[in-house]
Amino acid sequence: MPICRRSAIRRPLLLAGLMLAALSAPASARTNEPQAGSDQTDNENARARIQDEGAAALERMKRAAGNVKATSAPSPVLPAKPDAAAQRRAFEGLKAHRNDLDMAKRAQTDIAAARERLAAARERLAAERDAASRRIAQALGLEQPEQAALAGVVSPGVGKRWVPVLFVSSSMPIETLRTYAGQLERAGGVMAFRGMPGGMRQVAPMAKLSAAILRRDPGCEGPACTMRDVQVIVDPLVFRQHGVARVPALAMIPGDPTLPYCERDEASPRSAHLVQGDAALSGLLEEYGRLGGREEVRDALAHLARR
C-alpha cells in the first residue's frame, strides 16, 4: 500500500535525526560548562573585594582611634600649695586694714559733715519755701505784709507816709511788668492787680505770674530764686476807689495800701490824684508832683535818684 511505503521511507530519516540529536547533546553540555565556571569566578572576585574593603575600613578606624588617644586633653591638676610666707603677709595686711583707726575716724567725720550739710540745706529750703508762701499770701491779700517792706518809703521822723501804688494788669507784657518791679523796688512802691488770671478761685496762675515778675534772674526756676522786694497785691477795691479805667496808672496812697481788702471799706484813705499813661515810674511821679502832690512824691523820687 502506498501509505506503508511512505512510512518505510521516513523511518531512516527519523533514525538519522535521533543520531544527530545525540551527537549535538554533548556539545551543548560542553558549551554550558565553561559558563558555570565563569560565574563562580566572578562570585569569588566580589567576595575578595568585600573582604579587602572591610579590612581597609577596619584599619582606618584603628588609626582614627589612635589619633584620638594621642590628642586627648590632659587630666586636671590641682594648683600648687601657696607660699606660707605670702599667705601670712596677706592675712596680716587684711588685719591691719581692718584695724586702721585713722581711716575709720576720717570716714565717720566725713559722714557727720555730709549729714550736717544735708540738714542745713533742708533748713534753707524750708525757709525759702516759707518766704515764698508768705509773699504769695500777701500778694493775694490773705496775709498782713511785713512792715519792713515799706520801711524805706518815707524818711524817719515823718508822721504821714504815702506809698506809690502802680495799677497794672496781667495783659501787659511781662518785660514791662518786670521793669516796673525794678523801679518800684527802688522807690518802695506796691504793684496792684484788679484780679487774678483765670479767676479768683485759681491761685496757681497768679502765683506763677508774680514769680515771673519778681524774679531777678528770668532764667531761674524754683523756690531758691532771688526775688525783688516788692509787694504785689490783688485788690479790686482799690481799683474801684480810684476809678482806674486803664493801666498803667499811679496813685500815692497814705498809710498801708497792702492791708487785705477784706479788712478795708470804701472810706479807707485814697490818693489825691491819679496819673495814667505808659511812662516810666519816675515820669509818673513827676507828673503827680505837677498836679499838686510834690510833698507826696518827694521821698519816692529821692529814693529813685539815690539808687
C-alpha atoms as a PDB file:
ATOM      1  CA  MET A   1       0.000   0.000   0.000  1.00  0.00           C
ATOM      2  CA  PRO A   2       1.282   3.472  -0.724  1.00  0.00           C
ATOM      3  CA  ILE A   3       0.945   4.530   2.926  1.00  0.00           C
ATOM      4  CA  CYS A   4       3.226   1.736   4.046  1.00  0.00           C
ATOM      5  CA  ARG A   5       5.841   2.767   1.563  1.00  0.00           C
ATOM      6  CA  ARG A   6       5.883   6.362   2.790  1.00  0.00           C
ATOM      7  CA  SER A   7       6.332   5.111   6.372  1.00  0.00           C
ATOM      8  CA  ALA A   8       9.227   2.947   5.379  1.00  0.00           C
ATOM      9  CA  ILE A   9      10.924   5.921   3.755  1.00  0.00           C
ATOM     10  CA  ARG A  10      10.566   8.149   6.814  1.00  0.00           C
ATOM     11  CA  ARG A  11      11.928   5.606   9.301  1.00  0.00           C
ATOM     12  CA  PRO A  12      15.520   6.044   8.149  1.00  0.00           C
ATOM     13  CA  LEU A  13      15.096   9.814   8.316  1.00  0.00           C
ATOM     14  CA  LEU A  14      13.833   9.600  11.907  1.00  0.00           C
ATOM     15  CA  LEU A  15      16.789   7.477  12.897  1.00  0.00           C
ATOM     16  CA  ALA A  16      19.149   9.963  11.324  1.00  0.00           C
ATOM     17  CA  GLY A  17      17.509  12.778  13.282  1.00  0.00           C
ATOM     18  CA  LEU A  18      17.877  10.897  16.544  1.00  0.00           C
ATOM     19  CA  MET A  19      21.524  10.283  15.854  1.00  0.00           C
ATOM     20  CA  LEU A  20      22.099  13.929  15.106  1.00  0.00           C
ATOM     21  CA  ALA A  21      20.333  14.868  18.341  1.00  0.00           C
ATOM     22  CA  ALA A  22      22.519  12.524  20.305  1.00  0.00           C
ATOM     23  CA  LEU A  23      25.620  13.973  18.760  1.00  0.00           C
ATOM     24  CA  SER A  24      24.527  17.560  19.424  1.00  0.00           C
ATOM     25  CA  ALA A  25      23.680  16.955  23.123  1.00  0.00           C
ATOM     26  CA  PRO A  26      27.299  16.583  24.443  1.00  0.00           C
ATOM     27  CA  ALA A  27      28.299  19.719  22.519  1.00  0.00           C
ATOM     28  CA  SER A  28      25.674  21.692  24.341  1.00  0.00           C
ATOM     29  CA  ALA A  29      26.871  20.289  27.652  1.00  0.00           C
ATOM     30  CA  ARG A  30      30.404  21.233  26.779  1.00  0.00           C
ATOM     31  CA  THR A  31      29.239  24.692  25.875  1.00  0.00           C
ATOM     32  CA  ASN A  32      27.441  25.182  29.269  1.00  0.00           C
ATOM     33  CA  GLU A  33      30.302  24.013  31.490  1.00  0.00           C
ATOM     34  CA  PRO A  34      32.614  26.993  30.766  1.00  0.00           C
ATOM     35  CA  GLN A  35      29.757  29.477  31.568  1.00  0.00           C
ATOM     36  CA  ALA A  36      29.176  27.960  35.028  1.00  0.00           C
ATOM     37  CA  GLY A  37      32.878  28.284  35.821  1.00  0.00           C
ATOM     38  CA  SER A  38      32.901  31.980  34.802  1.00  0.00           C
ATOM     39  CA  ASP A  39      30.020  32.772  37.206  1.00  0.00           C
ATOM     40  CA  GLN A  40      31.844  31.068  40.073  1.00  0.00           C
ATOM     41  CA  THR A  41      34.993  33.107  39.376  1.00  0.00           C
ATOM     42  CA  ASP A  42      33.021  36.385  39.410  1.00  0.00           C
ATOM     43  CA  ASN A  43      31.490  35.497  42.799  1.00  0.00           C
ATOM     44  CA  GLU A  44      34.875  34.697  44.247  1.00  0.00           C
ATOM     45  CA  ASN A  45      36.301  38.020  42.990  1.00  0.00           C
ATOM     46  CA  ALA A  46      33.413  40.038  44.532  1.00  0.00           C
ATOM     47  CA  ARG A  47      33.857  38.253  47.880  1.00  0.00           C
ATOM     48  CA  ALA A  48      37.566  39.080  47.845  1.00  0.00           C
ATOM     49  CA  ARG A  49      36.904  42.749  47.100  1.00  0.00           C
ATOM     50  CA  ILE A  50      34.405  42.999  50.006  1.00  0.00           C
ATOM     51  CA  GLN A  51      36.910  41.410  52.360  1.00  0.00           C
ATOM     52  CA  ASP A  52      39.621  43.821  51.200  1.00  0.00           C
ATOM     53  CA  GLU A  53      37.352  46.873  51.676  1.00  0.00           C
ATOM     54  CA  GLY A  54      36.319  45.711  55.160  1.00  0.00           C
ATOM     55  CA  ALA A  55      39.940  45.226  56.143  1.00  0.00           C
ATOM     56  CA  ALA A  56      40.781  48.755  54.879  1.00  0.00           C
ATOM     57  CA  ALA A  57      37.856  50.300  56.828  1.00  0.00           C
ATOM     58  CA  LEU A  58      38.915  48.492  59.987  1.00  0.00           C
ATOM     59  CA  GLU A  59      42.446  49.792  59.521  1.00  0.00           C
ATOM     60  CA  ARG A  60      41.191  53.376  59.135  1.00  0.00           C
ATOM     61  CA  MET A  61      39.095  53.015  62.290  1.00  0.00           C
ATOM     62  CA  LYS A  62      42.101  51.822  64.231  1.00  0.00           C
ATOM     63  CA  ARG A  63      44.206  54.764  63.020  1.00  0.00           C
ATOM     64  CA  ALA A  64      41.423  57.236  63.992  1.00  0.00           C
ATOM     65  CA  ALA A  65      41.162  55.742  67.476  1.00  0.00           C
ATOM     66  CA  GLY A  66      44.899  56.032  67.876  1.00  0.00           C
ATOM     67  CA  ASN A  67      44.845  59.718  66.865  1.00  0.00           C
ATOM     68  CA  VAL A  68      42.092  60.477  69.393  1.00  0.00           C
ATOM     69  CA  LYS A  69      44.065  58.857  72.164  1.00  0.00           C
ATOM     70  CA  ALA A  70      47.173  60.787  71.149  1.00  0.00           C
ATOM     71  CA  THR A  71      45.360  64.225  71.191  1.00  0.00           C
ATOM     72  CA  SER A  72      43.221  63.774  74.334  1.00  0.00           C
ATOM     73  CA  ALA A  73      43.342  66.640  76.934  1.00  0.00           C
ATOM     74  CA  PRO A  74      45.485  66.069  79.977  1.00  0.00           C
ATOM     75  CA  SER A  75      43.744  65.390  83.259  1.00  0.00           C
ATOM     76  CA  PRO A  76      43.234  68.431  85.597  1.00  0.00           C
ATOM     77  CA  VAL A  77      45.970  69.114  88.072  1.00  0.00           C
ATOM     78  CA  LEU A  78      45.412  70.857  91.404  1.00  0.00           C
ATOM     79  CA  PRO A  79      47.341  74.132  91.866  1.00  0.00           C
ATOM     80  CA  ALA A  80      50.389  74.070  93.959  1.00  0.00           C
ATOM     81  CA  LYS A  81      50.036  74.949  97.624  1.00  0.00           C
ATOM     82  CA  PRO A  82      50.576  78.725  98.173  1.00  0.00           C
ATOM     83  CA  ASP A  83      53.672  80.000  99.831  1.00  0.00           C
ATOM     84  CA  ALA A  84      53.194  80.123 103.597  1.00  0.00           C
ATOM     85  CA  ALA A  85      55.065  83.434 103.890  1.00  0.00           C
ATOM     86  CA  ALA A  86      52.945  85.090 101.186  1.00  0.00           C
ATOM     87  CA  GLN A  87      49.784  83.785 102.791  1.00  0.00           C
ATOM     88  CA  ARG A  88      50.811  85.150 106.168  1.00  0.00           C
ATOM     89  CA  ARG A  89      51.608  88.580 104.706  1.00  0.00           C
ATOM     90  CA  ALA A  90      48.203  88.679 103.031  1.00  0.00           C
ATOM     91  CA  PHE A  91      46.373  87.920 106.283  1.00  0.00           C
ATOM     92  CA  GLU A  92      48.460  90.480 108.155  1.00  0.00           C
ATOM     93  CA  GLY A  93      47.603  93.128 105.548  1.00  0.00           C
ATOM     94  CA  LEU A  94      43.889  92.400 105.884  1.00  0.00           C
ATOM     95  CA  LYS A  95      44.129  92.579 109.635  1.00  0.00           C
ATOM     96  CA  ALA A  96      45.989  95.902 109.524  1.00  0.00           C
ATOM     97  CA  HIS A  97      43.423  97.363 107.122  1.00  0.00           C
ATOM     98  CA  ARG A  98      40.564  96.283 109.371  1.00  0.00           C
ATOM     99  CA  ASN A  99      42.135  97.826 112.441  1.00  0.00           C
ATOM    100  CA  ASP A 100      43.060 101.164 110.783  1.00  0.00           C
ATOM    101  CA  LEU A 101      41.519 103.527 113.349  1.00  0.00           C
ATOM    102  CA  ASP A 102      42.549 106.663 111.474  1.00  0.00           C
ATOM    103  CA  MET A 103      40.708 105.639 108.339  1.00  0.00           C
ATOM    104  CA  ALA A 104      37.577 104.746 110.301  1.00  0.00           C
ATOM    105  CA  LYS A 105      37.746 108.060 112.112  1.00  0.00           C
ATOM    106  CA  ARG A 106      38.031 110.001 108.861  1.00  0.00           C
ATOM    107  CA  ALA A 107      35.103 108.106 107.415  1.00  0.00           C
ATOM    108  CA  GLN A 108      32.940 108.920 110.435  1.00  0.00           C
ATOM    109  CA  THR A 109      33.940 112.581 110.249  1.00  0.00           C
ATOM    110  CA  ASP A 110      33.047 112.759 106.548  1.00  0.00           C
ATOM    111  CA  ILE A 111      29.692 111.126 107.175  1.00  0.00           C
ATOM    112  CA  ALA A 112      28.891 113.528 110.016  1.00  0.00           C
ATOM    113  CA  ALA A 113      29.862 116.550 107.875  1.00  0.00           C
ATOM    114  CA  ALA A 114      27.706 115.325 104.996  1.00  0.00           C
ATOM    115  CA  ARG A 115      24.737 114.904 107.341  1.00  0.00           C
ATOM    116  CA  GLU A 116      25.202 118.418 108.688  1.00  0.00           C
ATOM    117  CA  ARG A 117      25.338 119.874 105.172  1.00  0.00           C
ATOM    118  CA  LEU A 118      22.203 117.966 104.243  1.00  0.00           C
ATOM    119  CA  ALA A 119      20.365 119.225 107.322  1.00  0.00           C
ATOM    120  CA  ALA A 120      21.443 122.824 106.622  1.00  0.00           C
ATOM    121  CA  ALA A 121      20.291 122.537 103.014  1.00  0.00           C
ATOM    122  CA  ARG A 122      16.913 121.234 104.151  1.00  0.00           C
ATOM    123  CA  GLU A 123      16.538 124.128 106.603  1.00  0.00           C
ATOM    124  CA  ARG A 124      17.390 126.674 103.891  1.00  0.00           C
ATOM    125  CA  LEU A 125      14.906 125.080 101.516  1.00  0.00           C
ATOM    126  CA  ALA A 126      12.179 125.132 104.168  1.00  0.00           C
ATOM    127  CA  ALA A 127      12.895 128.806 104.950  1.00  0.00           C
ATOM    128  CA  GLU A 128      12.784 129.736 101.267  1.00  0.00           C
ATOM    129  CA  ARG A 129       9.502 127.881 100.830  1.00  0.00           C
ATOM    130  CA  ASP A 130       8.002 129.707 103.821  1.00  0.00           C
ATOM    131  CA  ALA A 131       9.149 133.055 102.455  1.00  0.00           C
ATOM    132  CA  ALA A 132       7.676 132.285  99.035  1.00  0.00           C
ATOM    133  CA  SER A 133       4.397 131.193 100.623  1.00  0.00           C
ATOM    134  CA  ARG A 134       4.210 134.439 102.642  1.00  0.00           C
ATOM    135  CA  ARG A 135       4.859 136.529  99.538  1.00  0.00           C
ATOM    136  CA  ILE A 136       2.118 134.725  97.644  1.00  0.00           C
ATOM    137  CA  ALA A 137      -0.332 135.109 100.538  1.00  0.00           C
ATOM    138  CA  GLN A 138       0.472 138.803 100.809  1.00  0.00           C
ATOM    139  CA  ALA A 139       0.054 139.240  97.078  1.00  0.00           C
ATOM    140  CA  LEU A 140      -3.369 137.644  97.238  1.00  0.00           C
ATOM    141  CA  GLY A 141      -4.423 139.795 100.179  1.00  0.00           C
ATOM    142  CA  LEU A 142      -4.648 136.825 102.542  1.00  0.00           C
ATOM    143  CA  GLU A 143      -1.931 137.881 104.981  1.00  0.00           C
ATOM    144  CA  GLN A 144      -0.622 141.073 106.511  1.00  0.00           C
ATOM    145  CA  PRO A 145       2.621 142.071 104.727  1.00  0.00           C
ATOM    146  CA  GLU A 146       5.792 142.749 106.591  1.00  0.00           C
ATOM    147  CA  GLN A 147       6.215 146.350 107.656  1.00  0.00           C
ATOM    148  CA  ALA A 148       9.893 146.171 106.745  1.00  0.00           C
ATOM    149  CA  ALA A 149       8.899 146.058 103.069  1.00  0.00           C
ATOM    150  CA  LEU A 150       7.554 149.595 103.400  1.00  0.00           C
ATOM    151  CA  ALA A 151      10.152 150.923 105.827  1.00  0.00           C
ATOM    152  CA  GLY A 152      12.173 152.726 103.147  1.00  0.00           C
ATOM    153  CA  VAL A 153       9.269 154.562 101.583  1.00  0.00           C
ATOM    154  CA  VAL A 154       9.446 157.657 103.817  1.00  0.00           C
ATOM    155  CA  SER A 155      12.195 159.330 105.739  1.00  0.00           C
ATOM    156  CA  PRO A 156      12.484 158.731 109.504  1.00  0.00           C
ATOM    157  CA  GLY A 157      10.556 161.143 111.665  1.00  0.00           C
ATOM    158  CA  VAL A 158       7.814 161.865 109.132  1.00  0.00           C
ATOM    159  CA  GLY A 159       4.424 161.268 110.644  1.00  0.00           C
ATOM    160  CA  LYS A 160       2.443 160.782 107.411  1.00  0.00           C
ATOM    161  CA  ARG A 161       3.585 158.497 104.633  1.00  0.00           C
ATOM    162  CA  TRP A 162       2.434 157.992 101.053  1.00  0.00           C
ATOM    163  CA  VAL A 163       3.118 154.763  99.224  1.00  0.00           C
ATOM    164  CA  PRO A 164       3.385 154.668  95.421  1.00  0.00           C
ATOM    165  CA  VAL A 165       0.820 152.187  94.102  1.00  0.00           C
ATOM    166  CA  LEU A 166       1.152 151.253  90.442  1.00  0.00           C
ATOM    167  CA  PHE A 167      -2.013 149.809  88.914  1.00  0.00           C
ATOM    168  CA  VAL A 168      -1.169 147.143  86.324  1.00  0.00           C
ATOM    169  CA  SER A 169      -2.815 144.219  84.509  1.00  0.00           C
ATOM    170  CA  SER A 170      -1.797 140.695  83.607  1.00  0.00           C
ATOM    171  CA  SER A 171      -2.408 141.589  79.954  1.00  0.00           C
ATOM    172  CA  MET A 172       0.641 143.877  79.971  1.00  0.00           C
ATOM    173  CA  PRO A 173       3.907 142.479  78.575  1.00  0.00           C
ATOM    174  CA  ILE A 174       5.895 140.582  81.172  1.00  0.00           C
ATOM    175  CA  GLU A 175       9.036 142.571  80.381  1.00  0.00           C
ATOM    176  CA  THR A 176       7.188 145.827  81.101  1.00  0.00           C
ATOM    177  CA  LEU A 177       5.963 144.449  84.412  1.00  0.00           C
ATOM    178  CA  ARG A 178       9.483 143.325  85.305  1.00  0.00           C
ATOM    179  CA  THR A 179      10.833 146.805  84.547  1.00  0.00           C
ATOM    180  CA  TYR A 180       8.202 148.430  86.761  1.00  0.00           C
ATOM    181  CA  ALA A 181       9.021 145.912  89.535  1.00  0.00           C
ATOM    182  CA  GLY A 182      12.658 147.009  89.497  1.00  0.00           C
ATOM    183  CA  GLN A 183      11.669 150.704  89.708  1.00  0.00           C
ATOM    184  CA  LEU A 184       9.119 150.060  92.453  1.00  0.00           C
ATOM    185  CA  GLU A 185      11.724 148.198  94.490  1.00  0.00           C
ATOM    186  CA  ARG A 186      13.928 151.283  94.464  1.00  0.00           C
ATOM    187  CA  ALA A 187      11.032 153.643  95.264  1.00  0.00           C
ATOM    188  CA  GLY A 188       9.428 151.383  97.896  1.00  0.00           C
ATOM    189  CA  GLY A 189       6.203 151.033  95.946  1.00  0.00           C
ATOM    190  CA  VAL A 190       3.473 148.423  95.505  1.00  0.00           C
ATOM    191  CA  MET A 191       2.158 146.738  92.363  1.00  0.00           C
ATOM    192  CA  ALA A 192      -1.620 146.237  92.306  1.00  0.00           C
ATOM    193  CA  PHE A 193      -3.780 143.927  90.135  1.00  0.00           C
ATOM    194  CA  ARG A 194      -7.570 144.113  89.875  1.00  0.00           C
ATOM    195  CA  GLY A 195      -7.971 140.337  89.799  1.00  0.00           C
ATOM    196  CA  MET A 196      -6.139 137.074  89.138  1.00  0.00           C
ATOM    197  CA  PRO A 197      -5.648 135.409  85.753  1.00  0.00           C
ATOM    198  CA  GLY A 198      -8.250 132.685  85.354  1.00  0.00           C
ATOM    199  CA  GLY A 199     -10.469 133.969  88.166  1.00  0.00           C
ATOM    200  CA  MET A 200     -10.247 134.390  91.922  1.00  0.00           C
ATOM    201  CA  ARG A 201     -10.563 130.634  92.508  1.00  0.00           C
ATOM    202  CA  GLN A 202      -7.388 129.797  90.627  1.00  0.00           C
ATOM    203  CA  VAL A 203      -4.330 130.805  92.625  1.00  0.00           C
ATOM    204  CA  ALA A 204      -1.647 128.991  90.610  1.00  0.00           C
ATOM    205  CA  PRO A 205      -1.693 131.311  87.543  1.00  0.00           C
ATOM    206  CA  MET A 206      -1.335 134.411  89.746  1.00  0.00           C
ATOM    207  CA  ALA A 207       1.462 132.837  91.763  1.00  0.00           C
ATOM    208  CA  LYS A 208       3.273 131.941  88.542  1.00  0.00           C
ATOM    209  CA  LEU A 209       2.831 135.477  87.179  1.00  0.00           C
ATOM    210  CA  SER A 210       4.049 137.070  90.431  1.00  0.00           C
ATOM    211  CA  ALA A 211       7.136 134.858  90.464  1.00  0.00           C
ATOM    212  CA  ALA A 212       7.919 135.746  86.841  1.00  0.00           C
ATOM    213  CA  ILE A 213       7.616 139.478  87.645  1.00  0.00           C
ATOM    214  CA  LEU A 214       9.636 139.497  90.869  1.00  0.00           C
ATOM    215  CA  ARG A 215      12.360 137.023  89.902  1.00  0.00           C
ATOM    216  CA  ARG A 216      15.657 138.864  89.478  1.00  0.00           C
ATOM    217  CA  ASP A 217      17.025 136.273  87.070  1.00  0.00           C
ATOM    218  CA  PRO A 218      14.338 135.497  84.466  1.00  0.00           C
ATOM    219  CA  GLY A 219      16.038 132.184  83.673  1.00  0.00           C
ATOM    220  CA  CYS A 220      15.909 130.928  87.267  1.00  0.00           C
ATOM    221  CA  GLU A 221      13.337 128.313  88.279  1.00  0.00           C
ATOM    222  CA  GLY A 222      12.249 127.018  91.669  1.00  0.00           C
ATOM    223  CA  PRO A 223      11.861 128.398  95.197  1.00  0.00           C
ATOM    224  CA  ALA A 224      15.581 129.150  95.565  1.00  0.00           C
ATOM    225  CA  CYS A 225      15.486 132.051  93.076  1.00  0.00           C
ATOM    226  CA  THR A 226      16.178 135.562  94.370  1.00  0.00           C
ATOM    227  CA  MET A 227      13.088 137.800  94.302  1.00  0.00           C
ATOM    228  CA  ARG A 228      12.696 141.572  94.277  1.00  0.00           C
ATOM    229  CA  ASP A 229      11.492 143.199  97.471  1.00  0.00           C
ATOM    230  CA  VAL A 230       8.210 144.468  96.024  1.00  0.00           C
ATOM    231  CA  GLN A 231       4.689 143.903  97.333  1.00  0.00           C
ATOM    232  CA  VAL A 232       2.238 142.543  94.741  1.00  0.00           C
ATOM    233  CA  ILE A 233      -1.419 142.793  95.763  1.00  0.00           C
ATOM    234  CA  VAL A 234      -4.725 141.736  94.209  1.00  0.00           C
ATOM    235  CA  ASP A 235      -7.250 144.384  95.271  1.00  0.00           C
ATOM    236  CA  PRO A 236     -10.383 145.169  93.236  1.00  0.00           C
ATOM    237  CA  LEU A 237     -11.484 147.604  95.957  1.00  0.00           C
ATOM    238  CA  VAL A 238      -8.559 149.993  95.450  1.00  0.00           C
ATOM    239  CA  PHE A 239      -9.210 149.947  91.677  1.00  0.00           C
ATOM    240  CA  ARG A 240     -12.842 150.908  92.303  1.00  0.00           C
ATOM    241  CA  GLN A 241     -11.937 153.583  94.868  1.00  0.00           C
ATOM    242  CA  HIS A 242      -9.651 155.385  92.425  1.00  0.00           C
ATOM    243  CA  GLY A 243     -11.728 154.796  89.316  1.00  0.00           C
ATOM    244  CA  VAL A 244      -8.883 153.162  87.382  1.00  0.00           C
ATOM    245  CA  ALA A 245     -10.068 152.685  83.793  1.00  0.00           C
ATOM    246  CA  ARG A 246      -6.776 151.909  82.071  1.00  0.00           C
ATOM    247  CA  VAL A 247      -3.278 150.869  83.091  1.00  0.00           C
ATOM    248  CA  PRO A 248      -0.584 151.625  83.943  1.00  0.00           C
ATOM    249  CA  ALA A 249      -1.738 154.230  86.455  1.00  0.00           C
ATOM    250  CA  LEU A 250      -0.104 155.702  89.569  1.00  0.00           C
ATOM    251  CA  ALA A 251      -1.628 156.737  92.882  1.00  0.00           C
ATOM    252  CA  MET A 252       0.026 157.885  96.126  1.00  0.00           C
ATOM    253  CA  ILE A 253      -1.990 156.238  98.874  1.00  0.00           C
ATOM    254  CA  PRO A 254      -1.479 157.315 102.509  1.00  0.00           C
ATOM    255  CA  GLY A 255      -0.941 154.647 105.135  1.00  0.00           C
ATOM    256  CA  ASP A 256      -0.579 150.983 104.252  1.00  0.00           C
ATOM    257  CA  PRO A 257      -2.213 150.015 100.953  1.00  0.00           C
ATOM    258  CA  THR A 258      -1.225 146.376 101.381  1.00  0.00           C
ATOM    259  CA  LEU A 259      -3.809 145.610 104.046  1.00  0.00           C
ATOM    260  CA  PRO A 260      -6.137 142.826 102.911  1.00  0.00           C
ATOM    261  CA  TYR A 261      -9.044 144.397 101.082  1.00  0.00           C
ATOM    262  CA  CYS A 262     -11.461 142.354 103.157  1.00  0.00           C
ATOM    263  CA  GLU A 263     -10.314 144.406 106.176  1.00  0.00           C
ATOM    264  CA  ARG A 264     -10.936 147.789 104.498  1.00  0.00           C
ATOM    265  CA  ASP A 265     -14.006 149.657 103.290  1.00  0.00           C
ATOM    266  CA  GLU A 266     -14.887 152.425 100.895  1.00  0.00           C
ATOM    267  CA  ALA A 267     -13.892 155.056 103.473  1.00  0.00           C
ATOM    268  CA  SER A 268     -10.267 153.929 103.638  1.00  0.00           C
ATOM    269  CA  PRO A 269      -7.654 156.583 102.649  1.00  0.00           C
ATOM    270  CA  ARG A 270      -7.175 157.166  98.959  1.00  0.00           C
ATOM    271  CA  SER A 271      -4.871 159.093  96.668  1.00  0.00           C
ATOM    272  CA  ALA A 272      -5.489 162.770  95.906  1.00  0.00           C
ATOM    273  CA  HIS A 273      -4.538 162.348  92.237  1.00  0.00           C
ATOM    274  CA  LEU A 274      -4.360 159.574  89.637  1.00  0.00           C
ATOM    275  CA  VAL A 275      -1.816 159.636  86.845  1.00  0.00           C
ATOM    276  CA  GLN A 276      -2.416 157.381  83.858  1.00  0.00           C
ATOM    277  CA  GLY A 277      -0.106 156.760  80.947  1.00  0.00           C
ATOM    278  CA  ASP A 278       2.530 154.417  79.567  1.00  0.00           C
ATOM    279  CA  ALA A 279       5.631 156.002  81.084  1.00  0.00           C
ATOM    280  CA  ALA A 280       8.472 155.161  83.444  1.00  0.00           C
ATOM    281  CA  LEU A 281       7.792 155.321  87.159  1.00  0.00           C
ATOM    282  CA  SER A 282       9.902 158.469  87.501  1.00  0.00           C
ATOM    283  CA  GLY A 283       7.822 160.194  84.819  1.00  0.00           C
ATOM    284  CA  LEU A 284       4.576 159.207  86.508  1.00  0.00           C
ATOM    285  CA  LEU A 285       5.853 160.532  89.866  1.00  0.00           C
ATOM    286  CA  GLU A 286       6.938 163.818  88.311  1.00  0.00           C
ATOM    287  CA  GLU A 287       3.543 164.236  86.659  1.00  0.00           C
ATOM    288  CA  TYR A 288       1.871 163.530  90.009  1.00  0.00           C
ATOM    289  CA  GLY A 289       4.011 166.273  91.556  1.00  0.00           C
ATOM    290  CA  ARG A 290       2.977 168.759  88.869  1.00  0.00           C
ATOM    291  CA  LEU A 291      -0.653 168.034  89.705  1.00  0.00           C
ATOM    292  CA  GLY A 292      -0.026 169.313  93.230  1.00  0.00           C
ATOM    293  CA  GLY A 293       1.401 166.336  95.037  1.00  0.00           C
ATOM    294  CA  ARG A 294       5.066 167.356  95.351  1.00  0.00           C
ATOM    295  CA  GLU A 295       5.175 166.548  99.034  1.00  0.00           C
ATOM    296  CA  GLU A 296       3.668 163.128  98.447  1.00  0.00           C
ATOM    297  CA  VAL A 297       6.196 162.057  95.773  1.00  0.00           C
ATOM    298  CA  ARG A 298       9.266 163.693  97.337  1.00  0.00           C
ATOM    299  CA  ASP A 299      10.505 160.631  99.181  1.00  0.00           C
ATOM    300  CA  ALA A 300       9.818 158.238  96.306  1.00  0.00           C
ATOM    301  CA  LEU A 301      11.711 160.473  93.839  1.00  0.00           C
ATOM    302  CA  ALA A 302      14.569 160.784  96.343  1.00  0.00           C
ATOM    303  CA  HIS A 303      14.860 157.000  96.578  1.00  0.00           C
ATOM    304  CA  LEU A 304      14.883 156.653  92.790  1.00  0.00           C
ATOM    305  CA  ALA A 305      17.553 159.316  92.410  1.00  0.00           C
ATOM    306  CA  ARG A 306      19.712 157.885  95.204  1.00  0.00           C
ATOM    307  CA  ARG A 307      19.746 154.347  93.892  1.00  0.00           C
END
